[in-house]
Amino acid sequence: MNNTVAVALGQGNQTVLVDVNRSKIVQSIKLSHNCFGVASDGKTLVISDSSSQCTTVNLSDMSHTILEGMRGLFRISLFQGNIYGTNYSENKVCCYKVTGEPLWTFQHQDIASPRGLTLDKNGFVYIASYGNNSILVVSPDGKICKTILSDADGIKEPYAIDINRETGVMIVSSHISGEKNEKSYQTCFVYKV
């Protein structure tokens, strides 16, 4: 499944697996909830609904498990058997075991309306803090954070973020405001971490 990506279809209550080489849907996963965030480690797929719940899907037999108590996760990531998620309405980042058991929750004044998140190869959590135009990194134990990019670096309304764990290349979405009569648009920046 190296050429397969999972696509969450929002209010369509489903996630599809797409073979990108063939441009074809190879599997459709219908759920009882909206699908706004999706993450996988190649064995398990985790799908979140930003308001109500998360579901894990075992990719070998496609069985589903609803995880209780994981409410409000907007974007998610799966790393070394743990699920990480942003809760933008409560300005926090959470970490759970893949079984849904909470490990830690981190809130800090520098986290405002967090959207996307990703992890590097060492388990540091990178957060797109939409509400204050910054990128933060949280320690693997969820105890400390540091702002690594801000408005001064050109970051504006970051929504999505990802890191290639092998190369350490990070990509961050950003809004660009046009000068005078120019239109505003979305772009991305690439960094080495």
Foldseek 3Di string as FASTA:
>chain_A
DVQWDWAFPFQVQWIFIARVVVRGTPDIGHHPAGFQEWEDPVQKIWTDHQAAWIWIAGVVVRDIDTAPPPGRFRYWYADPQKIWGARQVVQKIFIAGVNNHTQDIAHDPVAHRWAEWEAAPQQWIWICRQVFQFIKTADNNRDDIDTDGGVVNVRHRWHYKYADNVQQKIKIKGWAPDPDPDHIDIDIDIDHD
